Amino acid sequence: QVQLVESGGGEVQAGGSLRLSCAASGRPFGVYALGWFRQAPGKEREFVAAIHWSGGSTYYAESVKGRFTISRDNVKNTVSLQMDSLKPEDTAVYYCAADGNFARVRGTPGFWGQGTQVTVSS
């Protein structure tokens, strides 16, 4: 089991930046692949970004590629999502996720955080 708690959400104008963080506790953090998903009002939850347990591989949705950067700190047990050049369509609740499998963390991860709201105004 791993527990995930997100922070860093808020409201920002289009073109601005936000940095989300997710703190993990429970089983050894380093064995998990980690990811970020988001869910906008009236839409299904969608994949945003993922990072391998080693930090050596990352994967992004096309809609955020080049604007968002995922990173992890296996000493501090945190994963972060740096979001730049934000657009109104990035408005959503953002969720941190974890799974022992890198492929599965991009689709159906086993563990979820509670979510943090990001609002981008035009």
N, C-alpha and C. Protein backbone atom coordinates (compact mmCIF):
# COMPACT_ATOMS: atom_id res chain seq x y z
N GLN A 1 0.83 -1.19 0.00
CA GLN A 1 0.00 0.00 0.00
C GLN A 1 0.87 1.24 0.00
N VAL A 2 0.41 2.27 -0.70
CA VAL A 2 1.07 3.56 -0.68
C VAL A 2 0.00 4.63 -0.60
N GLN A 3 0.24 5.64 0.19
CA GLN A 3 -0.70 6.76 0.32
C GLN A 3 -0.11 7.96 -0.40
N LEU A 4 -0.96 8.67 -1.14
CA LEU A 4 -0.53 9.79 -1.97
C LEU A 4 -1.32 11.04 -1.61
N VAL A 5 -0.62 12.16 -1.42
CA VAL A 5 -1.27 13.42 -1.08
C VAL A 5 -0.72 14.52 -1.99
N GLU A 6 -1.61 15.10 -2.79
CA GLU A 6 -1.21 16.16 -3.72
C GLU A 6 -1.26 17.53 -3.05
N SER A 7 -0.50 18.46 -3.59
CA SER A 7 -0.53 19.85 -3.18
C SER A 7 -0.06 20.72 -4.33
N GLY A 8 -0.31 22.02 -4.22
CA GLY A 8 0.21 22.95 -5.21
C GLY A 8 -0.79 23.45 -6.22
N GLY A 9 -2.02 22.97 -6.16
CA GLY A 9 -3.02 23.46 -7.10
C GLY A 9 -3.40 24.90 -6.80
N GLY A 10 -4.16 25.49 -7.70
CA GLY A 10 -4.60 26.87 -7.51
C GLY A 10 -5.09 27.45 -8.81
N GLU A 11 -5.19 28.76 -8.84
CA GLU A 11 -5.67 29.45 -10.03
C GLU A 11 -4.55 30.29 -10.62
N VAL A 12 -4.45 30.27 -11.93
CA VAL A 12 -3.41 31.01 -12.63
C VAL A 12 -3.98 31.49 -13.96
N GLN A 13 -3.42 32.56 -14.48
CA GLN A 13 -3.85 33.05 -15.79
C GLN A 13 -3.21 32.24 -16.90
N ALA A 14 -3.85 32.24 -18.04
CA ALA A 14 -3.31 31.54 -19.20
C ALA A 14 -1.90 32.04 -19.50
N GLY A 15 -1.03 31.09 -19.81
CA GLY A 15 0.37 31.41 -20.06
C GLY A 15 1.24 31.30 -18.83
N GLY A 16 0.62 31.17 -17.68
CA GLY A 16 1.37 31.08 -16.43
C GLY A 16 1.82 29.67 -16.12
N SER A 17 2.37 29.50 -14.92
CA SER A 17 2.93 28.22 -14.50
C SER A 17 2.43 27.85 -13.11
N LEU A 18 2.38 26.55 -12.88
CA LEU A 18 2.10 25.99 -11.56
C LEU A 18 2.96 24.74 -11.41
N ARG A 19 3.26 24.43 -10.15
CA ARG A 19 4.00 23.20 -9.85
C ARG A 19 3.20 22.40 -8.84
N LEU A 20 2.81 21.20 -9.25
CA LEU A 20 2.11 20.28 -8.36
C LEU A 20 3.12 19.33 -7.73
N SER A 21 2.85 18.97 -6.48
CA SER A 21 3.67 17.99 -5.78
C SER A 21 2.78 16.90 -5.21
N CYS A 22 3.37 15.74 -5.06
CA CYS A 22 2.66 14.61 -4.48
C CYS A 22 3.61 13.91 -3.51
N ALA A 23 3.19 13.83 -2.26
CA ALA A 23 4.00 13.17 -1.24
C ALA A 23 3.45 11.77 -1.00
N ALA A 24 4.36 10.81 -0.93
CA ALA A 24 3.96 9.41 -0.77
C ALA A 24 4.44 8.86 0.56
N SER A 25 3.65 7.97 1.11
CA SER A 25 4.03 7.27 2.33
C SER A 25 3.55 5.84 2.22
N GLY A 26 4.13 4.98 3.02
CA GLY A 26 3.74 3.58 2.96
C GLY A 26 4.90 2.73 2.53
N ARG A 27 4.67 1.86 1.58
CA ARG A 27 5.72 0.96 1.10
C ARG A 27 6.86 1.74 0.44
N PRO A 28 8.04 1.15 0.32
CA PRO A 28 9.17 1.86 -0.29
C PRO A 28 8.81 2.56 -1.58
N PHE A 29 9.05 3.84 -1.62
CA PHE A 29 8.62 4.70 -2.72
C PHE A 29 9.30 4.33 -4.02
N GLY A 30 10.54 3.91 -3.91
CA GLY A 30 11.34 3.71 -5.11
C GLY A 30 10.89 2.58 -6.00
N VAL A 31 10.00 1.71 -5.55
CA VAL A 31 9.58 0.59 -6.38
C VAL A 31 8.41 0.95 -7.28
N TYR A 32 7.85 2.13 -7.12
CA TYR A 32 6.65 2.49 -7.84
C TYR A 32 6.92 3.40 -9.04
N ALA A 33 6.22 3.09 -10.13
CA ALA A 33 6.10 4.07 -11.20
C ALA A 33 5.02 5.06 -10.77
N LEU A 34 5.16 6.30 -11.18
CA LEU A 34 4.26 7.35 -10.72
C LEU A 34 3.67 8.10 -11.91
N GLY A 35 2.50 8.62 -11.72
CA GLY A 35 1.86 9.32 -12.81
C GLY A 35 0.95 10.43 -12.33
N TRP A 36 0.53 11.24 -13.28
CA TRP A 36 -0.46 12.28 -13.05
C TRP A 36 -1.59 12.11 -14.06
N PHE A 37 -2.80 12.25 -13.56
CA PHE A 37 -4.00 12.24 -14.39
C PHE A 37 -4.78 13.52 -14.08
N ARG A 38 -5.77 13.81 -14.92
CA ARG A 38 -6.63 14.95 -14.64
C ARG A 38 -8.04 14.66 -15.10
N GLN A 39 -8.98 15.35 -14.47
CA GLN A 39 -10.38 15.21 -14.85
C GLN A 39 -11.04 16.58 -14.86
N ALA A 40 -11.48 16.99 -16.03
CA ALA A 40 -12.19 18.25 -16.20
C ALA A 40 -13.67 18.02 -15.97
N PRO A 41 -14.42 19.07 -15.63
CA PRO A 41 -15.86 18.92 -15.40
C PRO A 41 -16.56 18.31 -16.61
N GLY A 42 -17.34 17.28 -16.36
CA GLY A 42 -18.10 16.65 -17.43
C GLY A 42 -17.29 15.75 -18.35
N LYS A 43 -16.03 15.54 -18.02
CA LYS A 43 -15.17 14.69 -18.86
C LYS A 43 -14.61 13.53 -18.06
N GLU A 44 -14.13 12.53 -18.79
CA GLU A 44 -13.51 11.39 -18.13
C GLU A 44 -12.09 11.75 -17.67
N ARG A 45 -11.64 11.02 -16.68
CA ARG A 45 -10.27 11.20 -16.22
C ARG A 45 -9.32 10.79 -17.33
N GLU A 46 -8.25 11.59 -17.54
CA GLU A 46 -7.31 11.29 -18.61
C GLU A 46 -5.88 11.31 -18.10
N PHE A 47 -5.06 10.53 -18.76
CA PHE A 47 -3.64 10.45 -18.43
C PHE A 47 -2.92 11.75 -18.82
N VAL A 48 -1.97 12.17 -17.99
CA VAL A 48 -1.19 13.38 -18.27
C VAL A 48 0.29 13.04 -18.44
N ALA A 49 0.89 12.38 -17.45
CA ALA A 49 2.33 12.11 -17.49
C ALA A 49 2.66 10.95 -16.56
N ALA A 50 3.78 10.27 -16.84
CA ALA A 50 4.23 9.17 -15.99
C ALA A 50 5.74 9.14 -15.96
N ILE A 51 6.28 8.58 -14.90
CA ILE A 51 7.73 8.46 -14.75
C ILE A 51 8.06 7.10 -14.16
N HIS A 52 9.07 6.47 -14.71
CA HIS A 52 9.53 5.16 -14.26
C HIS A 52 10.08 5.25 -12.84
N TRP A 53 10.11 4.11 -12.14
CA TRP A 53 10.59 4.13 -10.76
C TRP A 53 12.01 4.67 -10.68
N SER A 54 12.82 4.45 -11.72
CA SER A 54 14.20 4.93 -11.70
C SER A 54 14.31 6.39 -12.06
N GLY A 55 13.24 6.96 -12.61
CA GLY A 55 13.31 8.32 -13.10
C GLY A 55 13.91 8.42 -14.49
N GLY A 56 14.32 7.28 -15.05
CA GLY A 56 15.01 7.29 -16.32
C GLY A 56 14.11 7.38 -17.53
N SER A 57 12.83 7.10 -17.37
CA SER A 57 11.89 7.16 -18.50
C SER A 57 10.68 7.97 -18.10
N THR A 58 10.23 8.79 -19.02
CA THR A 58 9.02 9.57 -18.81
C THR A 58 8.11 9.42 -20.02
N TYR A 59 6.84 9.72 -19.81
CA TYR A 59 5.85 9.57 -20.88
C TYR A 59 4.80 10.65 -20.67
N TYR A 60 4.39 11.30 -21.77
CA TYR A 60 3.46 12.42 -21.68
C TYR A 60 2.31 12.26 -22.66
N ALA A 61 1.17 12.78 -22.28
CA ALA A 61 0.08 12.91 -23.23
C ALA A 61 0.47 13.96 -24.27
N GLU A 62 -0.02 13.79 -25.48
CA GLU A 62 0.32 14.73 -26.55
C GLU A 62 -0.10 16.15 -26.21
N SER A 63 -1.19 16.28 -25.49
CA SER A 63 -1.74 17.60 -25.21
C SER A 63 -0.86 18.43 -24.27
N VAL A 64 0.06 17.77 -23.54
CA VAL A 64 0.89 18.51 -22.58
C VAL A 64 2.38 18.42 -22.93
N LYS A 65 2.73 17.64 -23.92
CA LYS A 65 4.13 17.45 -24.28
C LYS A 65 4.78 18.79 -24.63
N GLY A 66 5.94 19.03 -24.05
CA GLY A 66 6.64 20.28 -24.27
C GLY A 66 6.25 21.40 -23.32
N ARG A 67 5.18 21.21 -22.57
CA ARG A 67 4.73 22.23 -21.60
C ARG A 67 4.82 21.74 -20.16
N PHE A 68 4.62 20.45 -19.94
CA PHE A 68 4.64 19.87 -18.61
C PHE A 68 5.88 18.99 -18.45
N THR A 69 6.40 18.95 -17.22
CA THR A 69 7.56 18.12 -16.92
C THR A 69 7.31 17.37 -15.62
N ILE A 70 7.43 16.04 -15.67
CA ILE A 70 7.28 15.22 -14.47
C ILE A 70 8.66 14.88 -13.94
N SER A 71 8.80 14.87 -12.62
CA SER A 71 10.07 14.50 -12.01
C SER A 71 9.78 13.84 -10.66
N ARG A 72 10.76 13.16 -10.13
CA ARG A 72 10.59 12.50 -8.84
C ARG A 72 11.85 12.61 -8.01
N ASP A 73 11.67 12.53 -6.71
CA ASP A 73 12.78 12.54 -5.77
C ASP A 73 12.59 11.33 -4.86
N ASN A 74 13.38 10.30 -5.08
CA ASN A 74 13.20 9.05 -4.33
C ASN A 74 13.77 9.13 -2.92
N VAL A 75 14.43 10.22 -2.59
CA VAL A 75 14.89 10.44 -1.21
C VAL A 75 13.78 11.11 -0.41
N LYS A 76 13.16 12.12 -1.02
CA LYS A 76 12.08 12.85 -0.35
C LYS A 76 10.71 12.19 -0.54
N ASN A 77 10.66 11.13 -1.35
CA ASN A 77 9.40 10.43 -1.63
C ASN A 77 8.35 11.37 -2.21
N THR A 78 8.74 12.11 -3.21
CA THR A 78 7.82 13.02 -3.86
C THR A 78 7.89 12.89 -5.38
N VAL A 79 6.81 13.23 -6.02
CA VAL A 79 6.76 13.36 -7.47
C VAL A 79 6.13 14.72 -7.77
N SER A 80 6.65 15.38 -8.77
CA SER A 80 6.20 16.73 -9.09
C SER A 80 5.78 16.82 -10.55
N LEU A 81 4.93 17.79 -10.81
CA LEU A 81 4.52 18.08 -12.18
C LEU A 81 4.66 19.59 -12.38
N GLN A 82 5.66 20.00 -13.13
CA GLN A 82 5.85 21.40 -13.48
C GLN A 82 5.02 21.69 -14.71
N MET A 83 4.11 22.64 -14.60
CA MET A 83 3.20 22.96 -15.69
C MET A 83 3.46 24.39 -16.15
N ASP A 84 3.92 24.53 -17.36
CA ASP A 84 4.21 25.84 -17.96
C ASP A 84 3.28 26.09 -19.14
N SER A 85 3.22 27.35 -19.54
CA SER A 85 2.39 27.75 -20.69
C SER A 85 0.97 27.19 -20.54
N LEU A 86 0.40 27.36 -19.38
CA LEU A 86 -0.91 26.79 -19.10
C LEU A 86 -1.99 27.41 -19.97
N LYS A 87 -2.98 26.58 -20.31
CA LYS A 87 -4.10 26.99 -21.14
C LYS A 87 -5.40 26.78 -20.36
N PRO A 88 -6.45 27.49 -20.71
CA PRO A 88 -7.73 27.27 -20.03
C PRO A 88 -8.18 25.81 -20.10
N GLU A 89 -7.86 25.12 -21.15
CA GLU A 89 -8.26 23.72 -21.28
C GLU A 89 -7.48 22.79 -20.37
N ASP A 90 -6.48 23.31 -19.66
CA ASP A 90 -5.77 22.51 -18.66
C ASP A 90 -6.51 22.52 -17.32
N THR A 91 -7.56 23.29 -17.22
CA THR A 91 -8.36 23.35 -15.99
C THR A 91 -8.95 21.98 -15.69
N ALA A 92 -8.68 21.49 -14.48
CA ALA A 92 -9.13 20.15 -14.09
C ALA A 92 -8.72 19.89 -12.65
N VAL A 93 -9.22 18.80 -12.12
CA VAL A 93 -8.67 18.25 -10.88
C VAL A 93 -7.55 17.30 -11.28
N TYR A 94 -6.39 17.51 -10.69
CA TYR A 94 -5.21 16.71 -11.02
C TYR A 94 -4.97 15.68 -9.91
N TYR A 95 -4.74 14.44 -10.35
CA TYR A 95 -4.56 13.33 -9.43
C TYR A 95 -3.18 12.71 -9.61
N CYS A 96 -2.56 12.42 -8.49
CA CYS A 96 -1.32 11.67 -8.46
C CYS A 96 -1.67 10.18 -8.42
N ALA A 97 -0.87 9.34 -9.07
CA ALA A 97 -1.14 7.91 -9.11
C ALA A 97 0.15 7.12 -9.01
N ALA A 98 0.03 5.89 -8.53
CA ALA A 98 1.20 5.03 -8.39
C ALA A 98 0.85 3.59 -8.73
N ASP A 99 1.83 2.89 -9.27
CA ASP A 99 1.66 1.46 -9.56
C ASP A 99 3.03 0.83 -9.67
N GLY A 100 3.09 -0.46 -9.39
CA GLY A 100 4.35 -1.16 -9.52
C GLY A 100 4.77 -1.41 -10.95
N ASN A 101 3.89 -1.16 -11.90
CA ASN A 101 4.13 -1.43 -13.31
C ASN A 101 4.08 -0.13 -14.11
N PHE A 102 5.13 0.16 -14.88
CA PHE A 102 5.21 1.43 -15.61
C PHE A 102 4.12 1.56 -16.66
N ALA A 103 3.79 0.46 -17.33
CA ALA A 103 2.73 0.51 -18.34
C ALA A 103 1.37 0.72 -17.69
N ARG A 104 1.14 0.03 -16.60
CA ARG A 104 -0.15 0.12 -15.94
C ARG A 104 -0.38 1.49 -15.32
N VAL A 105 0.66 2.18 -14.88
CA VAL A 105 0.49 3.49 -14.25
C VAL A 105 -0.04 4.51 -15.26
N ARG A 106 0.09 4.24 -16.54
CA ARG A 106 -0.43 5.13 -17.56
C ARG A 106 -1.88 4.84 -17.90
N GLY A 107 -2.41 3.76 -17.37
CA GLY A 107 -3.79 3.40 -17.70
C GLY A 107 -4.68 3.20 -16.50
N THR A 108 -4.36 2.19 -15.72
CA THR A 108 -5.18 1.83 -14.57
C THR A 108 -4.31 1.62 -13.34
N PRO A 109 -3.74 2.71 -12.82
CA PRO A 109 -2.88 2.58 -11.64
C PRO A 109 -3.64 2.07 -10.43
N GLY A 110 -2.90 1.42 -9.53
CA GLY A 110 -3.54 0.82 -8.39
C GLY A 110 -3.80 1.77 -7.23
N PHE A 111 -3.08 2.90 -7.20
CA PHE A 111 -3.20 3.82 -6.07
C PHE A 111 -3.40 5.24 -6.58
N TRP A 112 -4.26 5.96 -5.86
CA TRP A 112 -4.62 7.33 -6.27
C TRP A 112 -4.54 8.27 -5.08
N GLY A 113 -4.20 9.54 -5.37
CA GLY A 113 -4.36 10.59 -4.39
C GLY A 113 -5.76 11.14 -4.45
N GLN A 114 -6.02 12.16 -3.63
CA GLN A 114 -7.38 12.69 -3.51
C GLN A 114 -7.65 13.80 -4.54
N GLY A 115 -6.60 14.31 -5.18
CA GLY A 115 -6.77 15.32 -6.22
C GLY A 115 -6.56 16.74 -5.73
N THR A 116 -6.14 17.60 -6.64
CA THR A 116 -5.97 19.02 -6.35
C THR A 116 -6.46 19.82 -7.56
N GLN A 117 -7.18 20.90 -7.30
CA GLN A 117 -7.81 21.67 -8.37
C GLN A 117 -6.81 22.63 -9.00
N VAL A 118 -6.80 22.64 -10.33
CA VAL A 118 -6.04 23.61 -11.11
C VAL A 118 -7.03 24.35 -12.00
N THR A 119 -7.02 25.67 -11.90
CA THR A 119 -7.91 26.50 -12.71
C THR A 119 -7.08 27.51 -13.49
N VAL A 120 -7.24 27.51 -14.80
CA VAL A 120 -6.51 28.42 -15.67
C VAL A 120 -7.52 29.37 -16.30
N SER A 121 -7.37 30.64 -16.00
CA SER A 121 -8.31 31.63 -16.51
C SER A 121 -7.76 32.30 -17.76
N SER A 122 -8.67 32.68 -18.64
CA SER A 122 -8.24 33.30 -19.91
C SER A 122 -8.15 34.81 -19.78
